[in-house]
Amino acid sequence: MADYDRSTGAPWSAEDLEQLRILAAEGTATSVIAVQLNRSEEAIAHRAAQDGINLTAASHNPYDPDTLNR
């Protein structure tokens, strides 16, 4: 049985949604966003899909010239 914290099923506040948008835009990994917002990765992915937020993490490949200035 999974452990549930106090945020399970809690409604999303405007501040939570804004933080989700900011972190996603920065290319933050879903697992990191989940920890910062005290929610599961599934909850993050579901809410992002619901609001049309792209969760694709930015590439941090050291050999990719597009990421050298990040």
C-alpha atoms as a PDB file:
ATOM      1  CA  MET A   1       0.000   0.000   0.000  1.00  0.00           C
ATOM      2  CA  ALA A   2       1.342   3.431  -0.909  1.00  0.00           C
ATOM      3  CA  ASP A   3       2.031   6.090   1.671  1.00  0.00           C
ATOM      4  CA  TYR A   4       0.027   9.266   1.290  1.00  0.00           C
ATOM      5  CA  ASP A   5       0.946  12.671   2.613  1.00  0.00           C
ATOM      6  CA  ARG A   6      -1.348  15.488   3.582  1.00  0.00           C
ATOM      7  CA  SER A   7      -1.396  16.948   0.043  1.00  0.00           C
ATOM      8  CA  THR A   8      -3.029  13.858  -1.476  1.00  0.00           C
ATOM      9  CA  GLY A   9      -6.048  15.062  -3.363  1.00  0.00           C
ATOM     10  CA  ALA A  10      -5.511  18.645  -2.233  1.00  0.00           C
ATOM     11  CA  PRO A  11      -6.722  21.297  -4.657  1.00  0.00           C
ATOM     12  CA  TRP A  12      -4.098  23.187  -6.635  1.00  0.00           C
ATOM     13  CA  SER A  13      -3.596  26.774  -5.512  1.00  0.00           C
ATOM     14  CA  ALA A  14      -2.795  29.594  -7.924  1.00  0.00           C
ATOM     15  CA  GLU A  15       0.710  29.701  -6.422  1.00  0.00           C
ATOM     16  CA  ASP A  16       1.216  25.958  -7.045  1.00  0.00           C
ATOM     17  CA  LEU A  17       0.156  26.335 -10.674  1.00  0.00           C
ATOM     18  CA  GLU A  18       2.444  29.313 -11.220  1.00  0.00           C
ATOM     19  CA  GLN A  19       5.358  27.422  -9.675  1.00  0.00           C
ATOM     20  CA  LEU A  20       4.584  24.438 -11.915  1.00  0.00           C
ATOM     21  CA  ARG A  21       4.623  26.682 -15.000  1.00  0.00           C
ATOM     22  CA  ILE A  22       7.910  28.324 -13.990  1.00  0.00           C
ATOM     23  CA  LEU A  23       9.692  25.080 -13.160  1.00  0.00           C
ATOM     24  CA  ALA A  24       8.458  23.389 -16.336  1.00  0.00           C
ATOM     25  CA  ALA A  25       9.576  26.355 -18.458  1.00  0.00           C
ATOM     26  CA  GLU A  26      13.033  26.090 -16.880  1.00  0.00           C
ATOM     27  CA  GLY A  27      13.202  22.423 -17.899  1.00  0.00           C
ATOM     28  CA  THR A  28      13.121  21.094 -14.339  1.00  0.00           C
ATOM     29  CA  ALA A  29      12.657  17.322 -14.094  1.00  0.00           C
ATOM     30  CA  THR A  30       9.201  16.113 -13.086  1.00  0.00           C
ATOM     31  CA  SER A  31      10.636  14.332 -10.043  1.00  0.00           C
ATOM     32  CA  VAL A  32      12.191  17.575  -8.793  1.00  0.00           C
ATOM     33  CA  ILE A  33       8.964  19.520  -9.385  1.00  0.00           C
ATOM     34  CA  ALA A  34       7.087  16.839  -7.428  1.00  0.00           C
ATOM     35  CA  VAL A  35       9.392  17.234  -4.435  1.00  0.00           C
ATOM     36  CA  GLN A  36       9.223  21.029  -4.522  1.00  0.00           C
ATOM     37  CA  LEU A  37       5.424  21.069  -4.716  1.00  0.00           C
ATOM     38  CA  ASN A  38       4.991  18.153  -2.277  1.00  0.00           C
ATOM     39  CA  ARG A  39       2.988  16.140  -4.819  1.00  0.00           C
ATOM     40  CA  SER A  40       3.465  12.884  -6.690  1.00  0.00           C
ATOM     41  CA  GLU A  41       5.043  12.772 -10.138  1.00  0.00           C
ATOM     42  CA  GLU A  42       1.725  11.442 -11.420  1.00  0.00           C
ATOM     43  CA  ALA A  43      -0.098  14.465 -10.000  1.00  0.00           C
ATOM     44  CA  ILE A  44       2.420  16.797 -11.629  1.00  0.00           C
ATOM     45  CA  ALA A  45       2.108  15.062 -15.001  1.00  0.00           C
ATOM     46  CA  HIS A  46      -1.696  14.987 -14.808  1.00  0.00           C
ATOM     47  CA  ARG A  47      -2.045  18.658 -13.920  1.00  0.00           C
ATOM     48  CA  ALA A  48       0.519  19.692 -16.537  1.00  0.00           C
ATOM     49  CA  ALA A  49      -1.379  17.769 -19.230  1.00  0.00           C
ATOM     50  CA  GLN A  50      -4.660  19.252 -18.033  1.00  0.00           C
ATOM     51  CA  ASP A  51      -3.273  22.797 -18.322  1.00  0.00           C
ATOM     52  CA  GLY A  52      -1.235  22.234 -21.504  1.00  0.00           C
ATOM     53  CA  ILE A  53       2.119  22.623 -19.743  1.00  0.00           C
ATOM     54  CA  ASN A  54       5.088  20.921 -21.439  1.00  0.00           C
ATOM     55  CA  LEU A  55       7.197  18.889 -19.001  1.00  0.00           C
ATOM     56  CA  THR A  56      10.001  17.973 -21.393  1.00  0.00           C
ATOM     57  CA  ALA A  57      13.209  18.453 -19.447  1.00  0.00           C
ATOM     58  CA  ALA A  58      15.883  20.554 -21.109  1.00  0.00           C
ATOM     59  CA  SER A  59      18.875  18.686 -22.451  1.00  0.00           C
ATOM     60  CA  HIS A  60      21.949  18.992 -20.278  1.00  0.00           C
ATOM     61  CA  ASN A  61      24.227  17.068 -22.617  1.00  0.00           C
ATOM     62  CA  PRO A  62      27.701  18.629 -22.222  1.00  0.00           C
ATOM     63  CA  TYR A  63      28.441  17.818 -25.864  1.00  0.00           C
ATOM     64  CA  ASP A  64      25.372  19.646 -27.175  1.00  0.00           C
ATOM     65  CA  PRO A  65      26.471  23.137 -28.280  1.00  0.00           C
ATOM     66  CA  ASP A  66      22.963  24.506 -27.606  1.00  0.00           C
ATOM     67  CA  THR A  67      23.343  23.812 -23.877  1.00  0.00           C
ATOM     68  CA  LEU A  68      26.795  25.318 -23.313  1.00  0.00           C
ATOM     69  CA  ASN A  69      25.439  28.660 -22.088  1.00  0.00           C
ATOM     70  CA  ARG A  70      22.920  27.249 -19.609  1.00  0.00           C
END
